[in-house]
Amino acid sequence: ATTDFSKPGWIPFLPKPGTYSHPTYGDISVTPEMNAEMVQSVKMRRYQDHIPLDIEHATKMSGAVGWVSDMRLNEDGTADAFVDWTSRGQAVLAGGGFKYVSPEWYRTWRDPATGEEVRNIIVGGAITTRPFFKPKSLRALVMSERGGEVLDAETFHNVNPHGPAHGGHSGQGSKTNGPDDPNNDTYEPNDS
């Protein structure tokens, strides 16, 4: 049977609250309040109406493969994003080369239209092969015939017994300054 990626759906997007040691940025602290603020930033469309997902944090090269239009908090403190996949995203995901997602956010962003400063705002994300947040802190994205499906690490390992349930690669993420405020920090915490 052919996998159907044409349906929009919920995917894992923000990790469990905790402190994560990044090889480039040092400790990255994720709090329940921070995740709640980021969910609200999408619900209230603070940054823009739809948040782009690209491939490996290379928006200029890949364009959007999906658009986040909503988010929800989970009981464990993680958050999921509701994604409408583009035709290119559907094709890329159908190929099976990407099983993870990596969020991008500004800790502080100044709205260029109003001058209002907003904390913890989602600005994008990426489908990736080597996420910084591993499945113990952010569930893997695995596709099935029902479309996007969120699995825990144990179920992921059972579905993909020849691949690791959690990665061990350590590399560099990237950090860029926001275009509207040179002091904005956005984290693209992936391994590639």
C-alpha atoms as a PDB file:
ATOM      1  CA  ALA A   1       0.000   0.000   0.000  1.00  0.00           C
ATOM      2  CA  THR A   2       1.092   3.567  -0.674  1.00  0.00           C
ATOM      3  CA  THR A   3       1.518   5.965   2.217  1.00  0.00           C
ATOM      4  CA  ASP A   4      -0.819   8.971   2.038  1.00  0.00           C
ATOM      5  CA  PHE A   5       0.766  12.267   3.124  1.00  0.00           C
ATOM      6  CA  SER A   6      -1.950  14.477   1.663  1.00  0.00           C
ATOM      7  CA  LYS A   7      -3.816  14.923   4.943  1.00  0.00           C
ATOM      8  CA  PRO A   8      -2.927  17.700   7.393  1.00  0.00           C
ATOM      9  CA  GLY A   9      -2.339  16.546  10.941  1.00  0.00           C
ATOM     10  CA  TRP A  10      -0.651  16.911  14.311  1.00  0.00           C
ATOM     11  CA  ILE A  11       3.096  16.347  14.691  1.00  0.00           C
ATOM     12  CA  PRO A  12       5.439  16.606  17.712  1.00  0.00           C
ATOM     13  CA  PHE A  13       7.054  20.055  17.760  1.00  0.00           C
ATOM     14  CA  LEU A  14       8.330  21.288  21.154  1.00  0.00           C
ATOM     15  CA  PRO A  15      10.332  19.178  23.634  1.00  0.00           C
ATOM     16  CA  LYS A  16       9.629  18.300  27.240  1.00  0.00           C
ATOM     17  CA  PRO A  17      10.548  21.052  29.673  1.00  0.00           C
ATOM     18  CA  GLY A  18      14.112  20.686  30.913  1.00  0.00           C
ATOM     19  CA  THR A  19      17.637  21.911  30.387  1.00  0.00           C
ATOM     20  CA  TYR A  20      19.465  20.653  27.322  1.00  0.00           C
ATOM     21  CA  SER A  21      23.205  21.010  26.770  1.00  0.00           C
ATOM     22  CA  HIS A  22      23.900  22.162  23.210  1.00  0.00           C
ATOM     23  CA  PRO A  23      27.461  21.928  21.811  1.00  0.00           C
ATOM     24  CA  THR A  24      27.301  25.474  20.392  1.00  0.00           C
ATOM     25  CA  TYR A  25      24.828  27.399  22.564  1.00  0.00           C
ATOM     26  CA  GLY A  26      25.480  25.806  25.930  1.00  0.00           C
ATOM     27  CA  ASP A  27      22.483  25.123  28.146  1.00  0.00           C
ATOM     28  CA  ILE A  28      19.076  25.653  26.543  1.00  0.00           C
ATOM     29  CA  SER A  29      16.357  25.862  29.156  1.00  0.00           C
ATOM     30  CA  VAL A  30      12.811  24.941  28.133  1.00  0.00           C
ATOM     31  CA  THR A  31      10.149  25.668  30.755  1.00  0.00           C
ATOM     32  CA  PRO A  32       6.442  24.788  30.798  1.00  0.00           C
ATOM     33  CA  GLU A  33       5.684  28.533  30.655  1.00  0.00           C
ATOM     34  CA  MET A  34       7.946  28.970  27.632  1.00  0.00           C
ATOM     35  CA  ASN A  35       6.219  26.147  25.743  1.00  0.00           C
ATOM     36  CA  ALA A  36       2.813  27.615  26.668  1.00  0.00           C
ATOM     37  CA  GLU A  37       3.876  31.050  25.368  1.00  0.00           C
ATOM     38  CA  MET A  38       5.116  29.509  22.103  1.00  0.00           C
ATOM     39  CA  VAL A  39       1.844  27.624  21.622  1.00  0.00           C
ATOM     40  CA  GLN A  40      -0.077  30.864  22.186  1.00  0.00           C
ATOM     41  CA  SER A  41       2.166  32.707  19.716  1.00  0.00           C
ATOM     42  CA  VAL A  42       0.926  30.378  16.967  1.00  0.00           C
ATOM     43  CA  LYS A  43      -2.685  30.337  18.125  1.00  0.00           C
ATOM     44  CA  MET A  44      -2.718  34.145  18.173  1.00  0.00           C
ATOM     45  CA  ARG A  45      -0.798  34.353  14.867  1.00  0.00           C
ATOM     46  CA  ARG A  46       1.736  36.711  16.456  1.00  0.00           C
ATOM     47  CA  TYR A  47       4.544  36.163  13.941  1.00  0.00           C
ATOM     48  CA  GLN A  48       2.483  35.407  10.835  1.00  0.00           C
ATOM     49  CA  ASP A  49      -0.656  33.477   9.861  1.00  0.00           C
ATOM     50  CA  HIS A  50       1.154  30.272   8.930  1.00  0.00           C
ATOM     51  CA  ILE A  51       4.566  29.182  10.179  1.00  0.00           C
ATOM     52  CA  PRO A  52       6.827  27.506   7.587  1.00  0.00           C
ATOM     53  CA  LEU A  53       8.466  24.111   7.935  1.00  0.00           C
ATOM     54  CA  ASP A  54      11.418  23.562   5.640  1.00  0.00           C
ATOM     55  CA  ILE A  55      14.048  20.885   5.064  1.00  0.00           C
ATOM     56  CA  GLU A  56      17.026  20.867   7.448  1.00  0.00           C
ATOM     57  CA  HIS A  57      16.575  24.579   8.346  1.00  0.00           C
ATOM     58  CA  ALA A  58      17.341  25.676   4.778  1.00  0.00           C
ATOM     59  CA  THR A  59      14.278  27.778   3.911  1.00  0.00           C
ATOM     60  CA  LYS A  60      16.056  29.692   1.155  1.00  0.00           C
ATOM     61  CA  MET A  61      17.044  26.406  -0.493  1.00  0.00           C
ATOM     62  CA  SER A  62      13.999  24.242   0.173  1.00  0.00           C
ATOM     63  CA  GLY A  63      11.044  26.591   0.531  1.00  0.00           C
ATOM     64  CA  ALA A  64       8.204  25.462   2.748  1.00  0.00           C
ATOM     65  CA  VAL A  65       7.325  21.767   2.857  1.00  0.00           C
ATOM     66  CA  GLY A  66       4.528  22.407   5.329  1.00  0.00           C
ATOM     67  CA  TRP A  67       2.663  25.176   7.149  1.00  0.00           C
ATOM     68  CA  VAL A  68       1.897  25.208  10.877  1.00  0.00           C
ATOM     69  CA  SER A  69      -1.505  26.743  11.580  1.00  0.00           C
ATOM     70  CA  ASP A  70      -2.170  25.636  15.177  1.00  0.00           C
ATOM     71  CA  MET A  71      -0.470  24.172  18.245  1.00  0.00           C
ATOM     72  CA  ARG A  72      -1.519  22.356  21.407  1.00  0.00           C
ATOM     73  CA  LEU A  73       0.131  21.553  24.734  1.00  0.00           C
ATOM     74  CA  ASN A  74       0.385  17.952  25.896  1.00  0.00           C
ATOM     75  CA  GLU A  75       0.173  16.618  29.461  1.00  0.00           C
ATOM     76  CA  ASP A  76       3.926  15.916  29.544  1.00  0.00           C
ATOM     77  CA  GLY A  77       4.746  19.557  28.709  1.00  0.00           C
ATOM     78  CA  THR A  78       5.607  18.927  25.070  1.00  0.00           C
ATOM     79  CA  ALA A  79       3.631  20.615  22.310  1.00  0.00           C
ATOM     80  CA  ASP A  80       2.321  19.433  18.946  1.00  0.00           C
ATOM     81  CA  ALA A  81       1.850  21.471  15.779  1.00  0.00           C
ATOM     82  CA  PHE A  82      -0.944  21.099  13.234  1.00  0.00           C
ATOM     83  CA  VAL A  83       0.674  20.972   9.778  1.00  0.00           C
ATOM     84  CA  ASP A  84      -0.726  21.225   6.274  1.00  0.00           C
ATOM     85  CA  TRP A  85       1.918  19.638   4.025  1.00  0.00           C
ATOM     86  CA  THR A  86       2.695  21.146   0.624  1.00  0.00           C
ATOM     87  CA  SER A  87       2.826  18.865  -2.419  1.00  0.00           C
ATOM     88  CA  ARG A  88       6.631  19.002  -2.211  1.00  0.00           C
ATOM     89  CA  GLY A  89       6.508  18.142   1.488  1.00  0.00           C
ATOM     90  CA  GLN A  90       4.206  15.214   0.776  1.00  0.00           C
ATOM     91  CA  ALA A  91       6.647  13.882  -1.834  1.00  0.00           C
ATOM     92  CA  VAL A  92       9.704  14.346   0.394  1.00  0.00           C
ATOM     93  CA  LEU A  93       8.026  12.643   3.363  1.00  0.00           C
ATOM     94  CA  ALA A  94       6.744   9.798   1.189  1.00  0.00           C
ATOM     95  CA  GLY A  95      10.379   9.054   0.337  1.00  0.00           C
ATOM     96  CA  GLY A  96      11.031   8.187   3.998  1.00  0.00           C
ATOM     97  CA  GLY A  97      14.177  10.292   4.363  1.00  0.00           C
ATOM     98  CA  PHE A  98      12.950  12.405   7.292  1.00  0.00           C
ATOM     99  CA  LYS A  99      11.618  11.144  10.624  1.00  0.00           C
ATOM    100  CA  TYR A 100      12.135  14.120  12.941  1.00  0.00           C
ATOM    101  CA  VAL A 101      11.169  17.752  13.362  1.00  0.00           C
ATOM    102  CA  SER A 102      13.221  20.630  14.757  1.00  0.00           C
ATOM    103  CA  PRO A 103      11.568  23.849  16.026  1.00  0.00           C
ATOM    104  CA  GLU A 104      12.797  27.416  15.540  1.00  0.00           C
ATOM    105  CA  TRP A 105      11.875  30.255  17.879  1.00  0.00           C
ATOM    106  CA  TYR A 106      12.851  33.727  18.986  1.00  0.00           C
ATOM    107  CA  ARG A 107      13.268  34.227  22.711  1.00  0.00           C
ATOM    108  CA  THR A 108      12.382  37.883  22.074  1.00  0.00           C
ATOM    109  CA  TRP A 109      10.927  39.450  18.933  1.00  0.00           C
ATOM    110  CA  ARG A 110       9.811  42.995  18.216  1.00  0.00           C
ATOM    111  CA  ASP A 111       6.760  43.274  15.963  1.00  0.00           C
ATOM    112  CA  PRO A 112       7.868  45.622  13.153  1.00  0.00           C
ATOM    113  CA  ALA A 113       4.329  46.987  12.710  1.00  0.00           C
ATOM    114  CA  THR A 114       3.530  47.763  16.361  1.00  0.00           C
ATOM    115  CA  GLY A 115       6.917  47.848  18.077  1.00  0.00           C
ATOM    116  CA  GLU A 116       5.542  45.440  20.689  1.00  0.00           C
ATOM    117  CA  GLU A 117       8.096  43.050  22.155  1.00  0.00           C
ATOM    118  CA  VAL A 118       6.971  39.408  22.252  1.00  0.00           C
ATOM    119  CA  ARG A 119       8.698  36.623  24.191  1.00  0.00           C
ATOM    120  CA  ASN A 120       9.026  33.000  23.080  1.00  0.00           C
ATOM    121  CA  ILE A 121       7.578  33.105  19.596  1.00  0.00           C
ATOM    122  CA  ILE A 122       7.607  30.293  17.023  1.00  0.00           C
ATOM    123  CA  VAL A 123       9.084  31.448  13.690  1.00  0.00           C
ATOM    124  CA  GLY A 124       9.589  28.164  11.839  1.00  0.00           C
ATOM    125  CA  GLY A 125      10.784  24.613  11.963  1.00  0.00           C
ATOM    126  CA  ALA A 126      12.278  21.889   9.847  1.00  0.00           C
ATOM    127  CA  ILE A 127      11.919  18.251   9.033  1.00  0.00           C
ATOM    128  CA  THR A 128      15.332  16.791   9.703  1.00  0.00           C
ATOM    129  CA  THR A 129      17.425  13.657   9.931  1.00  0.00           C
ATOM    130  CA  ARG A 130      19.451  14.614  13.026  1.00  0.00           C
ATOM    131  CA  PRO A 131      17.461  16.701  15.494  1.00  0.00           C
ATOM    132  CA  PHE A 132      19.038  18.233  18.575  1.00  0.00           C
ATOM    133  CA  PHE A 133      16.019  17.217  20.677  1.00  0.00           C
ATOM    134  CA  LYS A 134      16.103  13.394  20.583  1.00  0.00           C
ATOM    135  CA  PRO A 135      13.006  11.134  20.956  1.00  0.00           C
ATOM    136  CA  LYS A 136      13.353  10.929  24.756  1.00  0.00           C
ATOM    137  CA  SER A 137      12.567  14.672  24.888  1.00  0.00           C
ATOM    138  CA  LEU A 138      10.652  15.172  21.610  1.00  0.00           C
ATOM    139  CA  ARG A 139       8.777  12.269  20.071  1.00  0.00           C
ATOM    140  CA  ALA A 140       9.712  11.070  16.599  1.00  0.00           C
ATOM    141  CA  LEU A 141       7.601  11.848  13.561  1.00  0.00           C
ATOM    142  CA  VAL A 142       6.783   8.579  11.807  1.00  0.00           C
ATOM    143  CA  MET A 143       4.492   8.297   8.835  1.00  0.00           C
ATOM    144  CA  SER A 144       1.883   5.622   8.344  1.00  0.00           C
ATOM    145  CA  GLU A 145      -0.936   4.978   5.896  1.00  0.00           C
ATOM    146  CA  ARG A 146      -3.113   7.183   8.113  1.00  0.00           C
ATOM    147  CA  GLY A 147      -0.822  10.188   7.483  1.00  0.00           C
ATOM    148  CA  GLY A 148       1.371  11.798  10.131  1.00  0.00           C
ATOM    149  CA  GLU A 149       1.492   9.868  13.361  1.00  0.00           C
ATOM    150  CA  VAL A 150       3.212  10.706  16.644  1.00  0.00           C
ATOM    151  CA  LEU A 151       4.956   7.784  18.299  1.00  0.00           C
ATOM    152  CA  ASP A 152       6.798   7.434  21.578  1.00  0.00           C
ATOM    153  CA  ALA A 153      10.399   6.165  21.556  1.00  0.00           C
ATOM    154  CA  GLU A 154       9.479   2.546  22.413  1.00  0.00           C
ATOM    155  CA  THR A 155       6.820   2.332  19.697  1.00  0.00           C
ATOM    156  CA  PHE A 156       9.183   4.035  17.215  1.00  0.00           C
ATOM    157  CA  HIS A 157      11.834   1.405  17.963  1.00  0.00           C
ATOM    158  CA  ASN A 158       9.276  -1.371  17.434  1.00  0.00           C
ATOM    159  CA  VAL A 159       8.178   0.156  14.105  1.00  0.00           C
ATOM    160  CA  ASN A 160      11.793   0.782  13.031  1.00  0.00           C
ATOM    161  CA  PRO A 161      13.791  -1.992  14.760  1.00  0.00           C
ATOM    162  CA  HIS A 162      16.874  -1.474  12.558  1.00  0.00           C
ATOM    163  CA  GLY A 163      17.160   2.245  13.363  1.00  0.00           C
ATOM    164  CA  PRO A 164      17.957   3.819  16.701  1.00  0.00           C
ATOM    165  CA  ALA A 165      15.070   5.020  18.836  1.00  0.00           C
ATOM    166  CA  HIS A 166      17.242   7.942  19.895  1.00  0.00           C
ATOM    167  CA  GLY A 167      20.264   9.409  18.160  1.00  0.00           C
ATOM    168  CA  GLY A 168      23.711   9.879  19.523  1.00  0.00           C
ATOM    169  CA  HIS A 169      25.244  12.248  16.968  1.00  0.00           C
ATOM    170  CA  SER A 170      26.501  15.520  18.364  1.00  0.00           C
ATOM    171  CA  GLY A 171      27.242  18.391  16.044  1.00  0.00           C
ATOM    172  CA  GLN A 172      26.512  22.032  15.540  1.00  0.00           C
ATOM    173  CA  GLY A 173      23.164  23.762  15.319  1.00  0.00           C
ATOM    174  CA  SER A 174      22.803  27.228  13.919  1.00  0.00           C
ATOM    175  CA  LYS A 175      21.848  30.538  15.417  1.00  0.00           C
ATOM    176  CA  THR A 176      20.809  33.595  13.476  1.00  0.00           C
ATOM    177  CA  ASN A 177      19.705  37.050  14.441  1.00  0.00           C
ATOM    178  CA  GLY A 178      16.166  38.021  13.562  1.00  0.00           C
ATOM    179  CA  PRO A 179      15.724  40.336  10.576  1.00  0.00           C
ATOM    180  CA  ASP A 180      13.595  42.812  12.507  1.00  0.00           C
ATOM    181  CA  ASP A 181      15.725  43.171  15.629  1.00  0.00           C
ATOM    182  CA  PRO A 182      19.476  42.570  15.651  1.00  0.00           C
ATOM    183  CA  ASN A 183      19.245  41.389  19.260  1.00  0.00           C
ATOM    184  CA  ASN A 184      16.728  38.609  18.586  1.00  0.00           C
ATOM    185  CA  ASP A 185      17.963  35.094  19.156  1.00  0.00           C
ATOM    186  CA  THR A 186      16.472  32.260  17.191  1.00  0.00           C
ATOM    187  CA  TYR A 187      17.470  28.727  17.894  1.00  0.00           C
ATOM    188  CA  GLU A 188      17.625  26.123  15.204  1.00  0.00           C
ATOM    189  CA  PRO A 189      18.933  23.375  17.483  1.00  0.00           C
ATOM    190  CA  ASN A 190      19.670  20.555  15.108  1.00  0.00           C
ATOM    191  CA  ASP A 191      22.785  18.460  14.733  1.00  0.00           C
ATOM    192  CA  SER A 192      23.455  19.253  11.105  1.00  0.00           C
END
